[in-house]
Amino acid sequence: MKTALLLVMLFLSITPLVMAVEFNQTISPQDQATFDQILSPVMKVYNFVKYAATVLAVLFLVFAGVTFIMSGDDTAKRESAKTMAGYIVVGLIIIWVAPLVVQYLVG
């Protein structure tokens, strides 16, 4: 209860500050260059994590495929492998589509 009250108070105290910010300002080339310089290491880390997660996902997808093939008549293993493969594909879609969604929303 106290946590919820604190969150509501925090939200109410931050709202006027956010409303006071002007979001339609034009950005100077110097500010854009500074922003790009700050964002460069963040994008390098993001790309590393994205590609590392993709490699791990492919390995787990191969594992799910092998499990599915080797399951034989065991329907529980077969369903488990199908579920695993489905979650892996959804995760890959989220990882690769998220930047496009952010770009669309921001741009």
Protein backbone atom coordinates (compact mmCIF):
# COMPACT_ATOMS: atom_id res chain seq x y z
CA MET A 1 0.00 0.00 0.00
CA LYS A 2 2.81 2.40 0.88
CA THR A 3 4.62 1.57 -2.33
CA ALA A 4 1.56 2.29 -4.44
CA LEU A 5 1.04 5.60 -2.66
CA LEU A 6 4.69 6.54 -3.23
CA LEU A 7 4.42 5.68 -6.93
CA VAL A 8 1.29 7.81 -7.31
CA MET A 9 2.96 10.72 -5.53
CA LEU A 10 6.06 10.35 -7.71
CA PHE A 11 3.94 10.28 -10.86
CA LEU A 12 2.00 13.36 -9.79
CA SER A 13 5.16 15.27 -8.94
CA ILE A 14 6.92 14.44 -12.24
CA THR A 15 3.95 15.11 -14.52
CA PRO A 16 4.20 18.95 -14.43
CA LEU A 17 7.91 18.74 -15.25
CA VAL A 18 7.26 16.55 -18.26
CA MET A 19 4.44 18.79 -19.43
CA ALA A 20 6.79 21.80 -19.33
CA VAL A 21 9.29 20.26 -21.76
CA GLU A 22 9.02 21.43 -25.35
CA PHE A 23 9.34 18.39 -27.62
CA ASN A 24 9.07 20.19 -30.96
CA GLN A 25 12.35 22.06 -30.74
CA THR A 26 14.76 21.94 -33.64
CA ILE A 27 18.09 20.34 -32.83
CA SER A 28 21.25 22.17 -33.77
CA PRO A 29 23.90 20.25 -35.73
CA GLN A 30 26.27 20.53 -32.77
CA ASP A 31 23.67 19.00 -30.43
CA GLN A 32 22.97 16.25 -32.97
CA ALA A 33 26.70 15.46 -33.21
CA THR A 34 26.96 15.32 -29.41
CA PHE A 35 23.92 13.05 -29.22
CA ASP A 36 25.36 10.74 -31.89
CA GLN A 37 28.68 10.63 -30.03
CA ILE A 38 26.91 9.65 -26.80
CA LEU A 39 24.67 7.12 -28.56
CA SER A 40 27.49 5.37 -30.44
CA PRO A 41 28.72 3.16 -27.54
CA VAL A 42 25.14 2.35 -26.57
CA MET A 43 24.41 1.13 -30.09
CA LYS A 44 27.60 -0.95 -30.11
CA VAL A 45 26.51 -2.69 -26.90
CA TYR A 46 22.97 -3.15 -28.23
CA ASN A 47 24.26 -4.67 -31.49
CA PHE A 48 26.59 -7.01 -29.59
CA VAL A 49 23.74 -8.19 -27.36
CA LYS A 50 21.43 -8.57 -30.37
CA TYR A 51 23.89 -10.72 -32.30
CA ALA A 52 24.91 -12.75 -29.24
CA ALA A 53 21.24 -13.44 -28.47
CA THR A 54 20.69 -14.44 -32.08
CA VAL A 55 23.56 -16.94 -31.94
CA LEU A 56 22.22 -18.39 -28.69
CA ALA A 57 18.71 -18.55 -30.15
CA VAL A 58 19.95 -20.47 -33.18
CA LEU A 59 21.75 -22.94 -30.91
CA PHE A 60 18.63 -23.44 -28.82
CA LEU A 61 16.53 -23.75 -31.97
CA VAL A 62 18.82 -26.54 -33.15
CA PHE A 63 18.49 -28.15 -29.71
CA ALA A 64 14.68 -27.91 -29.94
CA GLY A 65 14.78 -29.46 -33.40
CA VAL A 66 16.96 -32.33 -32.24
CA THR A 67 14.70 -32.86 -29.23
CA PHE A 68 11.67 -32.92 -31.53
CA ILE A 69 13.28 -35.43 -33.89
CA MET A 70 14.55 -37.67 -31.09
CA SER A 71 11.28 -37.60 -29.12
CA GLY A 72 9.87 -40.67 -30.85
CA ASP A 73 6.43 -41.46 -29.46
CA ASP A 74 6.82 -39.24 -26.37
CA THR A 75 4.25 -36.51 -26.99
CA ALA A 76 5.34 -34.50 -23.93
CA LYS A 77 8.87 -34.08 -25.32
CA ARG A 78 7.47 -33.25 -28.75
CA GLU A 79 5.16 -30.56 -27.36
CA SER A 80 7.97 -29.19 -25.21
CA ALA A 81 10.22 -28.88 -28.27
CA LYS A 82 7.45 -27.15 -30.25
CA THR A 83 6.85 -24.70 -27.42
CA MET A 84 10.56 -24.00 -27.07
CA ALA A 85 10.89 -23.34 -30.80
CA GLY A 86 7.88 -21.03 -30.73
CA TYR A 87 9.28 -18.97 -27.86
CA ILE A 88 12.65 -18.74 -29.59
CA VAL A 89 11.10 -17.45 -32.80
CA VAL A 90 8.99 -14.90 -30.91
CA GLY A 91 12.07 -13.74 -29.01
CA LEU A 92 14.05 -13.31 -32.21
CA ILE A 93 11.24 -11.32 -33.78
CA ILE A 94 11.11 -9.03 -30.75
CA ILE A 95 14.88 -8.52 -30.73
CA TRP A 96 15.08 -7.67 -34.42
CA VAL A 97 11.85 -5.65 -34.78
CA ALA A 98 12.18 -3.52 -31.61
CA PRO A 99 14.57 -0.96 -33.18
CA LEU A 100 12.25 -0.57 -36.16
CA VAL A 101 9.29 0.10 -33.86
CA VAL A 102 11.27 2.66 -31.86
CA GLN A 103 12.47 4.31 -35.08
CA TYR A 104 8.86 4.50 -36.32
CA LEU A 105 7.58 5.95 -33.05
CA VAL A 106 10.38 8.50 -32.72
CA GLY A 107 10.71 9.44 -36.38
